[in-house]
Amino acid sequence: MKRMSRKHLATPYVFWIICFTILPLIYIAWYAVSDGDGGYTVENILAIFEPVHWKAFVLSIELALICTVVCLLLAYPVVLILRRLKIKKKGTIVAVLILPMWMNFILRVYAWQVLLSDNGIINSFLGMLGLPSINIINTPAAIVFGMVYDFLPFMILPIYNSLMEIPNDIIEAAKDLGADGFTIFRKIIWKLTLPGVISGITMVFVPAMTSFVFSDILGGGKIQLIGNVIEQEFTTSMNWQLGSGLSIALMTIILLIMALLQKSNQQTKGNNMIW
């Protein structure tokens, strides 16, 4: 009876997955392989390799990689500082760091548009100090800036969880054996937190690569990412076949990247267990 009741409790979740994940994917896949005349084709999927689409795809990868690297460089020192702080409720500080995530995503992006605009708050403040203004709005730098701001908590949390699981006894033992700070970081801390780093990279890179809101708002619609191309095919050109094909191609590439990261994560965990 208990087993049956647990299965029944999972019924709403299964229903949700089928209705709002599996069926839409099947619907998109059907559009991706159809030509609009009742026939079947793979041209919609292979359209990702067309120059205009490939250029947007490559730019999306470049900006997503920059965003991921910047988030990692910012998140890791913050997490190391949090570990060294002698504060009992460190989770409170982490909650403060992720506090902006409680605000609506679009509102946060629009807020940065106001801050970074040519006549915005930042340039007004620089003008008061007699400093030259910065022309960052409607550039790839503004898009990366917005991505880093929004996705940084997704890098902090998994690294923080991995770092807090490292026993202090291991670090103290390394110090007793004569290891300096850099050696402890390279051979102990970095290796044991690498699974969290890989999880953070996955959680930042994938949404950064597929997002189109940042380009529309902070890029002024002048910079075309692959997400913008797909969104325009659905909403402006009304070419659902091409939009679905590009979506399937993008999803396939992302799944391959995630599979490689997951494999690397499993190998890292195995090496750490052996170590």
C-alpha atoms as a PDB file:
ATOM      1  CA  MET A   1       0.000   0.000   0.000  1.00  0.00           C
ATOM      2  CA  LYS A   2       2.833   2.393   0.852  1.00  0.00           C
ATOM      3  CA  ARG A   3       4.536   1.722  -2.486  1.00  0.00           C
ATOM      4  CA  MET A   4       1.297   2.333  -4.335  1.00  0.00           C
ATOM      5  CA  SER A   5       0.682   5.555  -2.450  1.00  0.00           C
ATOM      6  CA  ARG A   6       4.156   6.839  -3.342  1.00  0.00           C
ATOM      7  CA  LYS A   7       3.524   6.067  -6.992  1.00  0.00           C
ATOM      8  CA  HIS A   8       0.247   7.946  -6.803  1.00  0.00           C
ATOM      9  CA  LEU A   9       2.024  10.950  -5.298  1.00  0.00           C
ATOM     10  CA  ALA A  10       4.302  11.029  -8.357  1.00  0.00           C
ATOM     11  CA  THR A  11       1.334  11.088 -10.743  1.00  0.00           C
ATOM     12  CA  PRO A  12       0.983  14.925 -10.905  1.00  0.00           C
ATOM     13  CA  TYR A  13       4.715  15.240 -11.615  1.00  0.00           C
ATOM     14  CA  VAL A  14       4.552  12.647 -14.406  1.00  0.00           C
ATOM     15  CA  PHE A  15       1.481  14.355 -15.847  1.00  0.00           C
ATOM     16  CA  TRP A  16       3.290  17.720 -15.775  1.00  0.00           C
ATOM     17  CA  ILE A  17       6.392  16.311 -17.495  1.00  0.00           C
ATOM     18  CA  ILE A  18       4.343  14.653 -20.223  1.00  0.00           C
ATOM     19  CA  CYS A  19       2.114  17.656 -20.932  1.00  0.00           C
ATOM     20  CA  PHE A  20       4.611  20.479 -20.631  1.00  0.00           C
ATOM     21  CA  THR A  21       7.953  18.881 -21.570  1.00  0.00           C
ATOM     22  CA  ILE A  22       7.627  15.726 -23.645  1.00  0.00           C
ATOM     23  CA  LEU A  23       4.651  16.701 -25.810  1.00  0.00           C
ATOM     24  CA  PRO A  24       6.021  20.183 -26.652  1.00  0.00           C
ATOM     25  CA  LEU A  25       9.372  18.615 -27.595  1.00  0.00           C
ATOM     26  CA  ILE A  26       7.610  16.126 -29.866  1.00  0.00           C
ATOM     27  CA  TYR A  27       5.625  19.008 -31.384  1.00  0.00           C
ATOM     28  CA  ILE A  28       8.812  21.022 -32.034  1.00  0.00           C
ATOM     29  CA  ALA A  29      10.606  17.953 -33.428  1.00  0.00           C
ATOM     30  CA  TRP A  30       7.707  17.329 -35.833  1.00  0.00           C
ATOM     31  CA  TYR A  31       7.897  20.911 -37.094  1.00  0.00           C
ATOM     32  CA  ALA A  32      11.682  20.631 -37.409  1.00  0.00           C
ATOM     33  CA  VAL A  33      11.527  17.723 -39.865  1.00  0.00           C
ATOM     34  CA  SER A  34       8.571  19.010 -41.903  1.00  0.00           C
ATOM     35  CA  ASP A  35       8.712  21.334 -44.894  1.00  0.00           C
ATOM     36  CA  GLY A  36       5.274  22.930 -44.578  1.00  0.00           C
ATOM     37  CA  ASP A  37       3.853  20.944 -47.523  1.00  0.00           C
ATOM     38  CA  GLY A  38       3.395  17.679 -45.716  1.00  0.00           C
ATOM     39  CA  GLY A  39       6.841  16.347 -46.589  1.00  0.00           C
ATOM     40  CA  TYR A  40       9.846  15.621 -44.443  1.00  0.00           C
ATOM     41  CA  THR A  41      13.265  17.237 -44.555  1.00  0.00           C
ATOM     42  CA  VAL A  42      16.362  17.811 -42.427  1.00  0.00           C
ATOM     43  CA  GLU A  43      17.178  21.163 -44.037  1.00  0.00           C
ATOM     44  CA  ASN A  44      15.617  23.039 -41.121  1.00  0.00           C
ATOM     45  CA  ILE A  45      18.035  21.371 -38.707  1.00  0.00           C
ATOM     46  CA  LEU A  46      21.059  21.719 -40.975  1.00  0.00           C
ATOM     47  CA  ALA A  47      20.229  25.421 -41.408  1.00  0.00           C
ATOM     48  CA  ILE A  48      22.290  26.017 -38.261  1.00  0.00           C
ATOM     49  CA  PHE A  49      25.351  25.770 -40.522  1.00  0.00           C
ATOM     50  CA  GLU A  50      24.198  28.546 -42.845  1.00  0.00           C
ATOM     51  CA  PRO A  51      26.525  31.589 -42.559  1.00  0.00           C
ATOM     52  CA  VAL A  52      23.974  33.938 -40.964  1.00  0.00           C
ATOM     53  CA  HIS A  53      22.873  31.347 -38.398  1.00  0.00           C
ATOM     54  CA  TRP A  54      26.371  30.013 -37.783  1.00  0.00           C
ATOM     55  CA  LYS A  55      27.677  33.532 -37.120  1.00  0.00           C
ATOM     56  CA  ALA A  56      24.985  34.071 -34.467  1.00  0.00           C
ATOM     57  CA  PHE A  57      25.720  30.632 -33.003  1.00  0.00           C
ATOM     58  CA  VAL A  58      29.457  31.257 -32.746  1.00  0.00           C
ATOM     59  CA  LEU A  59      28.886  34.674 -31.165  1.00  0.00           C
ATOM     60  CA  SER A  60      26.529  33.050 -28.647  1.00  0.00           C
ATOM     61  CA  ILE A  61      29.223  30.532 -27.704  1.00  0.00           C
ATOM     62  CA  GLU A  62      31.850  33.256 -27.373  1.00  0.00           C
ATOM     63  CA  LEU A  63      29.735  35.450 -25.096  1.00  0.00           C
ATOM     64  CA  ALA A  64      28.576  32.427 -23.067  1.00  0.00           C
ATOM     65  CA  LEU A  65      32.186  31.319 -22.570  1.00  0.00           C
ATOM     66  CA  ILE A  66      33.245  34.821 -21.499  1.00  0.00           C
ATOM     67  CA  CYS A  67      30.316  34.990 -19.085  1.00  0.00           C
ATOM     68  CA  THR A  68      31.169  31.560 -17.642  1.00  0.00           C
ATOM     69  CA  VAL A  69      34.845  32.393 -17.147  1.00  0.00           C
ATOM     70  CA  VAL A  70      34.052  35.749 -15.508  1.00  0.00           C
ATOM     71  CA  CYS A  71      31.493  34.124 -13.204  1.00  0.00           C
ATOM     72  CA  LEU A  72      34.040  31.478 -12.191  1.00  0.00           C
ATOM     73  CA  LEU A  73      36.743  34.072 -11.520  1.00  0.00           C
ATOM     74  CA  LEU A  74      34.335  36.087  -9.388  1.00  0.00           C
ATOM     75  CA  ALA A  75      32.597  33.226  -7.597  1.00  0.00           C
ATOM     76  CA  TYR A  76      35.584  31.160  -6.467  1.00  0.00           C
ATOM     77  CA  PRO A  77      37.320  33.910  -4.433  1.00  0.00           C
ATOM     78  CA  VAL A  78      33.984  34.869  -2.873  1.00  0.00           C
ATOM     79  CA  VAL A  79      33.400  31.286  -1.777  1.00  0.00           C
ATOM     80  CA  LEU A  80      36.929  30.990  -0.385  1.00  0.00           C
ATOM     81  CA  ILE A  81      36.389  34.173   1.633  1.00  0.00           C
ATOM     82  CA  LEU A  82      33.076  32.859   2.959  1.00  0.00           C
ATOM     83  CA  ARG A  83      34.754  29.677   4.154  1.00  0.00           C
ATOM     84  CA  ARG A  84      37.431  31.583   6.037  1.00  0.00           C
ATOM     85  CA  LEU A  85      34.990  33.945   7.704  1.00  0.00           C
ATOM     86  CA  LYS A  86      34.373  32.972  11.306  1.00  0.00           C
ATOM     87  CA  ILE A  87      30.630  33.409  11.086  1.00  0.00           C
ATOM     88  CA  LYS A  88      28.222  30.781  12.388  1.00  0.00           C
ATOM     89  CA  LYS A  89      25.377  31.443   9.963  1.00  0.00           C
ATOM     90  CA  LYS A  90      27.264  31.606   6.669  1.00  0.00           C
ATOM     91  CA  GLY A  91      24.111  30.525   4.871  1.00  0.00           C
ATOM     92  CA  THR A  92      22.675  33.962   5.635  1.00  0.00           C
ATOM     93  CA  ILE A  93      25.470  35.619   3.668  1.00  0.00           C
ATOM     94  CA  VAL A  94      24.879  33.235   0.764  1.00  0.00           C
ATOM     95  CA  ALA A  95      21.177  34.127   0.895  1.00  0.00           C
ATOM     96  CA  VAL A  96      22.113  37.811   0.634  1.00  0.00           C
ATOM     97  CA  LEU A  97      24.245  37.055  -2.434  1.00  0.00           C
ATOM     98  CA  ILE A  98      21.351  35.341  -4.197  1.00  0.00           C
ATOM     99  CA  LEU A  99      18.802  37.901  -2.995  1.00  0.00           C
ATOM    100  CA  PRO A 100      18.599  39.649  -6.418  1.00  0.00           C
ATOM    101  CA  MET A 101      17.301  36.367  -7.883  1.00  0.00           C
ATOM    102  CA  TRP A 102      14.065  36.920  -5.959  1.00  0.00           C
ATOM    103  CA  MET A 103      13.304  39.895  -8.191  1.00  0.00           C
ATOM    104  CA  ASN A 104      11.740  39.445 -11.614  1.00  0.00           C
ATOM    105  CA  PHE A 105      14.352  38.565 -14.238  1.00  0.00           C
ATOM    106  CA  ILE A 106      13.154  41.087 -16.843  1.00  0.00           C
ATOM    107  CA  LEU A 107      13.040  43.899 -14.289  1.00  0.00           C
ATOM    108  CA  ARG A 108      16.660  43.264 -13.354  1.00  0.00           C
ATOM    109  CA  VAL A 109      17.748  43.453 -16.982  1.00  0.00           C
ATOM    110  CA  TYR A 110      15.813  46.687 -17.534  1.00  0.00           C
ATOM    111  CA  ALA A 111      17.415  48.090 -14.385  1.00  0.00           C
ATOM    112  CA  TRP A 112      20.853  47.545 -15.880  1.00  0.00           C
ATOM    113  CA  GLN A 113      19.711  49.177 -19.110  1.00  0.00           C
ATOM    114  CA  VAL A 114      18.943  52.307 -17.097  1.00  0.00           C
ATOM    115  CA  LEU A 115      22.267  52.081 -15.264  1.00  0.00           C
ATOM    116  CA  LEU A 116      24.419  51.489 -18.359  1.00  0.00           C
ATOM    117  CA  SER A 117      22.702  53.818 -20.834  1.00  0.00           C
ATOM    118  CA  ASP A 118      24.595  56.833 -22.193  1.00  0.00           C
ATOM    119  CA  ASN A 119      22.526  59.160 -20.010  1.00  0.00           C
ATOM    120  CA  GLY A 120      22.147  56.656 -17.226  1.00  0.00           C
ATOM    121  CA  ILE A 121      23.020  56.754 -13.554  1.00  0.00           C
ATOM    122  CA  ILE A 122      26.586  55.469 -13.955  1.00  0.00           C
ATOM    123  CA  ASN A 123      27.542  58.031 -16.595  1.00  0.00           C
ATOM    124  CA  SER A 124      25.829  60.796 -14.630  1.00  0.00           C
ATOM    125  CA  PHE A 125      27.870  59.863 -11.569  1.00  0.00           C
ATOM    126  CA  LEU A 126      31.088  59.760 -13.623  1.00  0.00           C
ATOM    127  CA  GLY A 127      30.242  63.204 -15.023  1.00  0.00           C
ATOM    128  CA  MET A 128      29.846  64.581 -11.493  1.00  0.00           C
ATOM    129  CA  LEU A 129      33.352  63.317 -10.692  1.00  0.00           C
ATOM    130  CA  GLY A 130      34.774  64.829 -13.875  1.00  0.00           C
ATOM    131  CA  LEU A 131      35.521  61.415 -15.362  1.00  0.00           C
ATOM    132  CA  PRO A 132      34.852  60.404 -18.970  1.00  0.00           C
ATOM    133  CA  SER A 133      31.619  58.531 -19.663  1.00  0.00           C
ATOM    134  CA  ILE A 134      31.514  54.900 -20.742  1.00  0.00           C
ATOM    135  CA  ASN A 135      29.724  53.846 -23.907  1.00  0.00           C
ATOM    136  CA  ILE A 136      28.884  50.259 -23.010  1.00  0.00           C
ATOM    137  CA  ILE A 137      25.181  50.009 -23.820  1.00  0.00           C
ATOM    138  CA  ASN A 138      24.218  48.216 -27.066  1.00  0.00           C
ATOM    139  CA  THR A 139      27.556  46.368 -27.145  1.00  0.00           C
ATOM    140  CA  PRO A 140      28.585  42.750 -26.479  1.00  0.00           C
ATOM    141  CA  ALA A 141      30.193  43.978 -23.248  1.00  0.00           C
ATOM    142  CA  ALA A 142      26.782  45.118 -21.950  1.00  0.00           C
ATOM    143  CA  ILE A 143      25.300  41.728 -22.796  1.00  0.00           C
ATOM    144  CA  VAL A 144      28.084  39.904 -20.939  1.00  0.00           C
ATOM    145  CA  PHE A 145      27.707  42.309 -18.006  1.00  0.00           C
ATOM    146  CA  GLY A 146      24.006  41.497 -17.718  1.00  0.00           C
ATOM    147  CA  MET A 147      24.637  37.769 -18.042  1.00  0.00           C
ATOM    148  CA  VAL A 148      27.289  37.791 -15.325  1.00  0.00           C
ATOM    149  CA  TYR A 149      25.019  39.714 -12.981  1.00  0.00           C
ATOM    150  CA  ASP A 150      22.110  37.314 -13.462  1.00  0.00           C
ATOM    151  CA  PHE A 151      23.973  34.006 -13.591  1.00  0.00           C
ATOM    152  CA  LEU A 152      26.677  34.580 -10.960  1.00  0.00           C
ATOM    153  CA  PRO A 153      24.601  33.007  -8.133  1.00  0.00           C
ATOM    154  CA  PHE A 154      24.343  29.811 -10.196  1.00  0.00           C
ATOM    155  CA  MET A 155      28.136  29.580 -10.077  1.00  0.00           C
ATOM    156  CA  ILE A 156      28.449  30.494  -6.404  1.00  0.00           C
ATOM    157  CA  LEU A 157      26.000  27.966  -4.968  1.00  0.00           C
ATOM    158  CA  PRO A 158      27.455  24.659  -6.286  1.00  0.00           C
ATOM    159  CA  ILE A 159      31.042  25.742  -5.560  1.00  0.00           C
ATOM    160  CA  TYR A 160      30.017  26.862  -2.068  1.00  0.00           C
ATOM    161  CA  ASN A 161      28.352  23.506  -1.364  1.00  0.00           C
ATOM    162  CA  SER A 162      31.421  21.589  -2.589  1.00  0.00           C
ATOM    163  CA  LEU A 163      33.829  23.724  -0.577  1.00  0.00           C
ATOM    164  CA  MET A 164      31.864  23.503   2.659  1.00  0.00           C
ATOM    165  CA  GLU A 165      31.921  19.690   2.427  1.00  0.00           C
ATOM    166  CA  ILE A 166      35.733  19.615   2.686  1.00  0.00           C
ATOM    167  CA  PRO A 167      36.669  18.649   6.274  1.00  0.00           C
ATOM    168  CA  ASN A 168      38.996  21.066   8.038  1.00  0.00           C
ATOM    169  CA  ASP A 169      41.002  18.065   9.251  1.00  0.00           C
ATOM    170  CA  ILE A 170      42.297  17.422   5.741  1.00  0.00           C
ATOM    171  CA  ILE A 171      43.567  20.977   5.368  1.00  0.00           C
ATOM    172  CA  GLU A 172      45.097  20.969   8.849  1.00  0.00           C
ATOM    173  CA  ALA A 173      46.834  17.664   8.109  1.00  0.00           C
ATOM    174  CA  ALA A 174      48.289  19.114   4.907  1.00  0.00           C
ATOM    175  CA  LYS A 175      49.611  22.098   6.860  1.00  0.00           C
ATOM    176  CA  ASP A 176      51.179  19.780   9.447  1.00  0.00           C
ATOM    177  CA  LEU A 177      52.959  17.960   6.610  1.00  0.00           C
ATOM    178  CA  GLY A 178      54.503  21.226   5.425  1.00  0.00           C
ATOM    179  CA  ALA A 179      52.220  22.119   2.508  1.00  0.00           C
ATOM    180  CA  ASP A 180      51.951  25.826   1.761  1.00  0.00           C
ATOM    181  CA  GLY A 181      48.756  27.649   0.884  1.00  0.00           C
ATOM    182  CA  PHE A 182      49.131  27.323  -2.882  1.00  0.00           C
ATOM    183  CA  THR A 183      49.859  23.579  -2.645  1.00  0.00           C
ATOM    184  CA  ILE A 184      46.810  23.061  -0.426  1.00  0.00           C
ATOM    185  CA  PHE A 185      44.645  24.934  -2.901  1.00  0.00           C
ATOM    186  CA  ARG A 186      46.015  23.126  -5.963  1.00  0.00           C
ATOM    187  CA  LYS A 187      46.090  19.582  -4.621  1.00  0.00           C
ATOM    188  CA  ILE A 188      43.189  19.572  -2.153  1.00  0.00           C
ATOM    189  CA  ILE A 189      40.709  22.427  -2.421  1.00  0.00           C
ATOM    190  CA  TRP A 190      40.625  22.726  -6.213  1.00  0.00           C
ATOM    191  CA  LYS A 191      40.385  18.981  -6.804  1.00  0.00           C
ATOM    192  CA  LEU A 192      37.646  18.444  -4.226  1.00  0.00           C
ATOM    193  CA  THR A 193      35.596  21.394  -5.463  1.00  0.00           C
ATOM    194  CA  LEU A 194      35.972  20.551  -9.151  1.00  0.00           C
ATOM    195  CA  PRO A 195      32.600  18.722  -9.299  1.00  0.00           C
ATOM    196  CA  GLY A 196      30.949  21.900  -7.997  1.00  0.00           C
ATOM    197  CA  VAL A 197      32.887  23.961 -10.518  1.00  0.00           C
ATOM    198  CA  ILE A 198      31.696  21.742 -13.362  1.00  0.00           C
ATOM    199  CA  SER A 199      28.102  21.972 -12.107  1.00  0.00           C
ATOM    200  CA  GLY A 200      28.410  25.757 -11.935  1.00  0.00           C
ATOM    201  CA  ILE A 201      29.834  25.919 -15.449  1.00  0.00           C
ATOM    202  CA  THR A 202      26.896  23.891 -16.732  1.00  0.00           C
ATOM    203  CA  MET A 203      24.332  26.029 -14.899  1.00  0.00           C
ATOM    204  CA  VAL A 204      25.841  29.248 -16.274  1.00  0.00           C
ATOM    205  CA  PHE A 205      26.938  28.296 -19.788  1.00  0.00           C
ATOM    206  CA  VAL A 206      23.677  26.709 -20.967  1.00  0.00           C
ATOM    207  CA  PRO A 207      21.298  29.609 -20.141  1.00  0.00           C
ATOM    208  CA  ALA A 208      23.899  32.171 -21.235  1.00  0.00           C
ATOM    209  CA  MET A 209      24.156  30.468 -24.608  1.00  0.00           C
ATOM    210  CA  THR A 210      20.416  30.235 -25.247  1.00  0.00           C
ATOM    211  CA  SER A 211      19.221  33.562 -23.818  1.00  0.00           C
ATOM    212  CA  PHE A 212      17.958  36.329 -26.112  1.00  0.00           C
ATOM    213  CA  VAL A 213      16.590  38.856 -23.586  1.00  0.00           C
ATOM    214  CA  PHE A 214      20.012  40.345 -22.855  1.00  0.00           C
ATOM    215  CA  SER A 215      20.649  41.005 -26.526  1.00  0.00           C
ATOM    216  CA  ASP A 216      17.228  42.579 -27.012  1.00  0.00           C
ATOM    217  CA  ILE A 217      17.450  44.910 -24.011  1.00  0.00           C
ATOM    218  CA  LEU A 218      21.138  45.527 -23.294  1.00  0.00           C
ATOM    219  CA  GLY A 219      22.223  45.030 -26.896  1.00  0.00           C
ATOM    220  CA  GLY A 220      19.459  47.197 -28.304  1.00  0.00           C
ATOM    221  CA  GLY A 221      18.503  44.445 -30.746  1.00  0.00           C
ATOM    222  CA  LYS A 222      21.642  45.236 -32.767  1.00  0.00           C
ATOM    223  CA  ILE A 223      23.514  42.070 -31.784  1.00  0.00           C
ATOM    224  CA  GLN A 224      22.025  38.831 -33.040  1.00  0.00           C
ATOM    225  CA  LEU A 225      22.564  35.726 -30.926  1.00  0.00           C
ATOM    226  CA  ILE A 226      21.226  32.322 -31.877  1.00  0.00           C
ATOM    227  CA  GLY A 227      18.439  32.760 -29.319  1.00  0.00           C
ATOM    228  CA  ASN A 228      17.383  35.978 -31.055  1.00  0.00           C
ATOM    229  CA  VAL A 229      17.355  34.244 -34.445  1.00  0.00           C
ATOM    230  CA  ILE A 230      15.132  31.444 -33.148  1.00  0.00           C
ATOM    231  CA  GLU A 231      12.804  33.855 -31.359  1.00  0.00           C
ATOM    232  CA  GLN A 232      12.399  35.964 -34.506  1.00  0.00           C
ATOM    233  CA  GLU A 233      11.639  32.922 -36.656  1.00  0.00           C
ATOM    234  CA  PHE A 234       8.735  32.089 -34.347  1.00  0.00           C
ATOM    235  CA  THR A 235       7.377  35.574 -33.655  1.00  0.00           C
ATOM    236  CA  THR A 236       8.323  37.737 -36.655  1.00  0.00           C
ATOM    237  CA  SER A 237       8.907  35.532 -39.696  1.00  0.00           C
ATOM    238  CA  MET A 238       6.329  32.966 -38.511  1.00  0.00           C
ATOM    239  CA  ASN A 239       8.560  30.256 -39.948  1.00  0.00           C
ATOM    240  CA  TRP A 240       7.971  27.623 -37.290  1.00  0.00           C
ATOM    241  CA  GLN A 241       9.699  24.920 -39.333  1.00  0.00           C
ATOM    242  CA  LEU A 242      13.004  26.788 -39.459  1.00  0.00           C
ATOM    243  CA  GLY A 243      12.687  27.989 -35.868  1.00  0.00           C
ATOM    244  CA  SER A 244      12.016  24.449 -34.680  1.00  0.00           C
ATOM    245  CA  GLY A 245      14.917  23.077 -36.719  1.00  0.00           C
ATOM    246  CA  LEU A 246      17.325  25.605 -35.238  1.00  0.00           C
ATOM    247  CA  SER A 247      15.960  24.835 -31.771  1.00  0.00           C
ATOM    248  CA  ILE A 248      16.530  21.102 -32.215  1.00  0.00           C
ATOM    249  CA  ALA A 249      20.051  21.701 -33.546  1.00  0.00           C
ATOM    250  CA  LEU A 250      20.861  24.002 -30.628  1.00  0.00           C
ATOM    251  CA  MET A 251      19.372  21.560 -28.110  1.00  0.00           C
ATOM    252  CA  THR A 252      21.413  18.704 -29.581  1.00  0.00           C
ATOM    253  CA  ILE A 253      24.659  20.671 -29.321  1.00  0.00           C
ATOM    254  CA  ILE A 254      23.863  21.692 -25.742  1.00  0.00           C
ATOM    255  CA  LEU A 255      23.068  18.099 -24.777  1.00  0.00           C
ATOM    256  CA  LEU A 256      26.417  16.992 -26.202  1.00  0.00           C
ATOM    257  CA  ILE A 257      28.213  19.687 -24.207  1.00  0.00           C
ATOM    258  CA  MET A 258      26.344  18.699 -21.043  1.00  0.00           C
ATOM    259  CA  ALA A 259      27.170  15.026 -21.638  1.00  0.00           C
ATOM    260  CA  LEU A 260      30.868  15.872 -21.921  1.00  0.00           C
ATOM    261  CA  LEU A 261      30.725  17.962 -18.752  1.00  0.00           C
ATOM    262  CA  GLN A 262      28.877  15.192 -16.914  1.00  0.00           C
ATOM    263  CA  LYS A 263      31.440  12.633 -18.042  1.00  0.00           C
ATOM    264  CA  SER A 264      34.229  14.920 -16.886  1.00  0.00           C
ATOM    265  CA  ASN A 265      32.415  15.379 -13.572  1.00  0.00           C
ATOM    266  CA  GLN A 266      32.142  11.624 -13.033  1.00  0.00           C
ATOM    267  CA  GLN A 267      35.820  11.129 -13.866  1.00  0.00           C
ATOM    268  CA  THR A 268      36.734  13.890 -11.430  1.00  0.00           C
ATOM    269  CA  LYS A 269      34.709  12.285  -8.645  1.00  0.00           C
ATOM    270  CA  GLY A 270      36.341   8.933  -9.396  1.00  0.00           C
ATOM    271  CA  ASN A 271      39.833  10.434  -9.297  1.00  0.00           C
ATOM    272  CA  ASN A 272      39.030  12.184  -6.012  1.00  0.00           C
ATOM    273  CA  MET A 273      37.882   8.914  -4.477  1.00  0.00           C
ATOM    274  CA  ILE A 274      41.091   7.243  -5.598  1.00  0.00           C
ATOM    275  CA  TRP A 275      43.129  10.188  -4.332  1.00  0.00           C
END
